[in-house]
Each structure stands twice: as structure tokens, then as C-alpha cells.
Amino acid sequence: MDTLSFKTISANKATVNKEWVIVDAEGQSLGRLCAKVAKLLRGKYKPNFTPHVDCGDNVIIINAEKVVLTGNKWNGRVYVRYTGYPGGQREYTPADLLKKGPSYLYRKVVKGMLPKNRLGAKLLGNLYVYAGTEHKHQAQQPKSIDINSYK
């Protein structure tokens, strides 16, 4: 038996194949959409996935303001952060984040689904969120994908 053919291929910065993809958020559920986007950013859908390398795609989310949250989650779900000072606990809801700008909401949700280290911070930099259908990445020739076809 030829065991040389079973060598594990590990991707590195030079061999990784990064692409640009467009995801339409219209009518999508926020959590399910962001979970799939986090997997795209991480590169989990690629056969040469390597955990410690940025081998994911650059993801552009369009129609970000048309995302759906079921029930009373727009105002019922509360995110908490602490400034570090006495009395500095701040609360905000997904509706507050969407008013501030759709990229704030998506970055908050996707960041929680990525690794909590320098690689996760770098992967979050590959996410681009736009409220309408227009974006400024035509030069990269992004391809539009159907996010519902991914698991």
C-alpha cells in the first residue's frame, strides 16, 4: 500500500485560494445567515481548510437592513457590555444596532461565531456589509451565491 498518497495537505498563506462572494440578506434569518457567513469567512466549506490559516472567502452582504428576526427579538434580546467604570454597564438591542448601521449588527453577531483570537479579528476584516444592493467591490468580480444551499 502506497502511504505517500495519504499525506495531509495543509494550506498556508501562499497556497490558499481566496474568493469574493456576495450574499443577499433579504428575508433571511439573522442567526442562520450569520452562522453560514462565519463558516464562509473561516473557510470551512473548502476542502483544504486549515484551522490556523485565513483560508476563507471575502464576504459581501447586501440588503443588510432587510434581515428578519422572529418574535420580539428586535427589542426583547439585550446585549450587555461594560465600560470598566462604576455604573458603566450598557445595554442595547438589535434594533439599536440596526439604527446605528447594519454593519454594527452583523459584526456583533458574526464576531461571536468566530475564534476569539488574532485570527478571528483578521477574519472579521474580510466581512463587508452594505444596506442597499450597491457595493464598491466590482473590481474584485465577486460571484453571487445562494446562502440557502449551504448547510
Protein backbone atom coordinates (compact mmCIF):
# COMPACT_ATOMS: atom_id res chain seq x y z
CA MET A 1 0.00 0.00 0.00
CA ASP A 2 1.36 3.38 -1.02
CA THR A 3 1.12 5.55 2.10
CA LEU A 4 2.73 8.54 0.41
CA SER A 5 -0.58 9.34 -1.26
CA PHE A 6 -2.25 9.87 2.13
CA LYS A 7 -0.25 12.91 3.20
CA THR A 8 -2.31 15.64 4.78
CA ILE A 9 -2.23 18.85 2.80
CA SER A 10 -2.08 21.93 4.99
CA ALA A 11 -2.88 25.29 3.43
CA ASN A 12 -0.68 28.31 4.02
CA LYS A 13 -0.73 31.95 3.01
CA ALA A 14 0.79 31.23 -0.41
CA THR A 15 -1.41 28.26 -1.37
CA VAL A 16 -4.77 29.49 -0.16
CA ASN A 17 -7.43 30.34 -2.77
CA LYS A 18 -9.49 33.30 -1.53
CA GLU A 19 -12.58 34.36 -3.47
CA TRP A 20 -15.08 37.21 -3.23
CA VAL A 21 -18.73 36.24 -2.72
CA ILE A 22 -21.96 38.23 -2.42
CA VAL A 23 -24.70 37.16 -0.01
CA ASP A 24 -28.18 38.67 -0.19
CA ALA A 25 -29.68 39.05 3.31
CA GLU A 26 -33.19 39.94 2.19
CA GLY A 27 -35.73 37.78 4.03
CA GLN A 28 -33.04 35.71 5.76
CA SER A 29 -33.00 34.92 9.47
CA LEU A 30 -30.14 36.80 11.16
CA GLY A 31 -28.62 33.96 13.19
CA ARG A 32 -28.78 31.33 10.46
CA LEU A 33 -27.37 33.74 7.89
CA CYS A 34 -24.51 34.84 10.15
CA ALA A 35 -23.63 31.24 11.05
CA LYS A 36 -23.16 30.43 7.37
CA VAL A 37 -21.27 33.67 6.76
CA ALA A 38 -18.94 32.84 9.65
CA LYS A 39 -18.24 29.43 8.08
CA LEU A 40 -17.54 31.13 4.72
CA LEU A 41 -15.16 33.60 6.39
CA ARG A 42 -13.40 30.76 8.18
CA GLY A 43 -13.12 28.59 5.04
CA LYS A 44 -14.94 25.60 6.48
CA TYR A 45 -16.69 24.87 3.17
CA LYS A 46 -13.35 24.39 1.38
CA PRO A 47 -11.59 21.02 1.06
CA ASN A 48 -8.23 22.48 2.09
CA PHE A 49 -9.50 24.02 5.36
CA THR A 50 -6.71 24.62 7.86
CA PRO A 51 -7.73 25.84 11.33
CA HIS A 52 -4.82 28.22 11.94
CA VAL A 53 -4.78 29.90 8.49
CA ASP A 54 -7.05 32.54 6.97
CA CYS A 55 -8.29 30.39 4.09
CA GLY A 56 -11.86 31.74 3.94
CA ASP A 57 -13.54 33.95 1.38
CA ASN A 58 -14.17 37.68 1.44
CA VAL A 59 -17.92 38.05 2.03
CA ILE A 60 -20.07 40.99 0.91
CA ILE A 61 -23.54 41.17 2.48
CA ILE A 62 -26.08 43.28 0.58
CA ASN A 63 -29.62 44.30 1.61
CA ALA A 64 -28.45 44.04 5.21
CA GLU A 65 -31.32 46.08 6.63
CA LYS A 66 -33.91 43.59 5.29
CA VAL A 67 -32.89 40.75 7.61
CA VAL A 68 -35.56 39.04 9.73
CA LEU A 69 -35.72 38.32 13.45
CA THR A 70 -38.67 36.26 14.70
CA GLY A 71 -40.83 37.09 17.67
CA ASN A 72 -39.93 40.10 19.78
CA LYS A 73 -36.17 39.70 19.33
CA TRP A 74 -35.68 43.15 17.81
CA ASN A 75 -36.42 44.73 21.20
CA GLY A 76 -36.50 41.74 23.56
CA ARG A 77 -32.95 40.50 23.06
CA VAL A 78 -30.47 42.56 25.03
CA TYR A 79 -26.72 42.75 24.52
CA VAL A 80 -24.70 43.94 27.51
CA ARG A 81 -21.25 45.47 27.62
CA TYR A 82 -19.26 47.04 30.42
CA THR A 83 -17.11 50.14 30.11
CA GLY A 84 -14.92 49.26 33.07
CA TYR A 85 -16.12 52.15 35.22
CA PRO A 86 -18.60 52.01 38.14
CA GLY A 87 -22.12 52.21 36.75
CA GLY A 88 -20.77 51.62 33.28
CA GLN A 89 -22.95 48.70 32.25
CA ARG A 90 -24.58 49.50 28.90
CA GLU A 91 -27.46 47.63 27.28
CA TYR A 92 -28.54 47.72 23.66
CA THR A 93 -30.85 45.73 21.41
CA PRO A 94 -30.56 44.54 17.80
CA ALA A 95 -32.91 47.39 16.79
CA ASP A 96 -30.48 49.91 18.31
CA LEU A 97 -27.56 48.38 16.40
CA LEU A 98 -29.51 48.37 13.12
CA LYS A 99 -30.38 52.06 13.61
CA LYS A 100 -26.70 52.83 14.15
CA GLY A 101 -25.87 50.98 10.93
CA PRO A 102 -26.35 47.43 9.65
CA SER A 103 -22.64 46.65 9.78
CA TYR A 104 -22.69 47.07 13.59
CA LEU A 105 -25.35 44.37 13.98
CA TYR A 106 -23.70 41.90 11.61
CA ARG A 107 -20.22 42.42 13.07
CA LYS A 108 -21.57 41.84 16.59
CA VAL A 109 -23.30 38.60 15.62
CA VAL A 110 -20.56 37.20 13.33
CA LYS A 111 -17.78 38.12 15.77
CA GLY A 112 -19.39 35.86 18.38
CA MET A 113 -19.20 32.94 15.92
CA LEU A 114 -15.51 33.35 15.04
CA PRO A 115 -12.44 32.33 17.08
CA LYS A 116 -11.61 34.64 19.97
CA ASN A 117 -8.01 35.37 18.94
CA ARG A 118 -5.98 37.36 16.40
CA LEU A 119 -7.12 35.08 13.57
CA GLY A 120 -10.77 35.79 14.41
CA ALA A 121 -10.11 39.54 14.32
CA LYS A 122 -8.42 39.19 10.93
CA LEU A 123 -11.30 37.08 9.58
CA LEU A 124 -13.81 39.72 10.68
CA GLY A 125 -11.94 42.19 8.49
CA ASN A 126 -12.97 40.10 5.46
CA LEU A 127 -16.66 40.94 6.05
CA TYR A 128 -18.24 43.86 4.17
CA VAL A 129 -21.84 44.90 4.94
CA TYR A 130 -23.99 47.25 2.82
CA ALA A 131 -27.56 48.43 3.42
CA GLY A 132 -28.67 48.50 -0.22
CA THR A 133 -27.84 46.47 -3.30
CA GLU A 134 -24.90 48.68 -4.28
CA HIS A 135 -21.34 47.93 -3.14
CA LYS A 136 -17.90 49.22 -4.09
CA HIS A 137 -16.20 45.88 -4.82
CA GLN A 138 -16.96 45.45 -8.54
CA ALA A 139 -13.24 45.39 -9.32
CA GLN A 140 -12.85 42.12 -7.38
CA GLN A 141 -15.53 40.49 -9.58
CA PRO A 142 -17.47 38.87 -6.74
CA LYS A 143 -19.79 35.99 -7.51
CA SER A 144 -23.29 35.88 -6.09
CA ILE A 145 -24.11 32.74 -4.11
CA ASP A 146 -27.31 31.27 -2.71
CA ILE A 147 -26.62 31.04 1.02
CA ASN A 148 -29.55 28.63 1.50
CA SER A 149 -27.70 25.95 -0.48
CA TYR A 150 -25.02 25.78 2.27
CA LYS A 151 -25.50 23.81 5.50
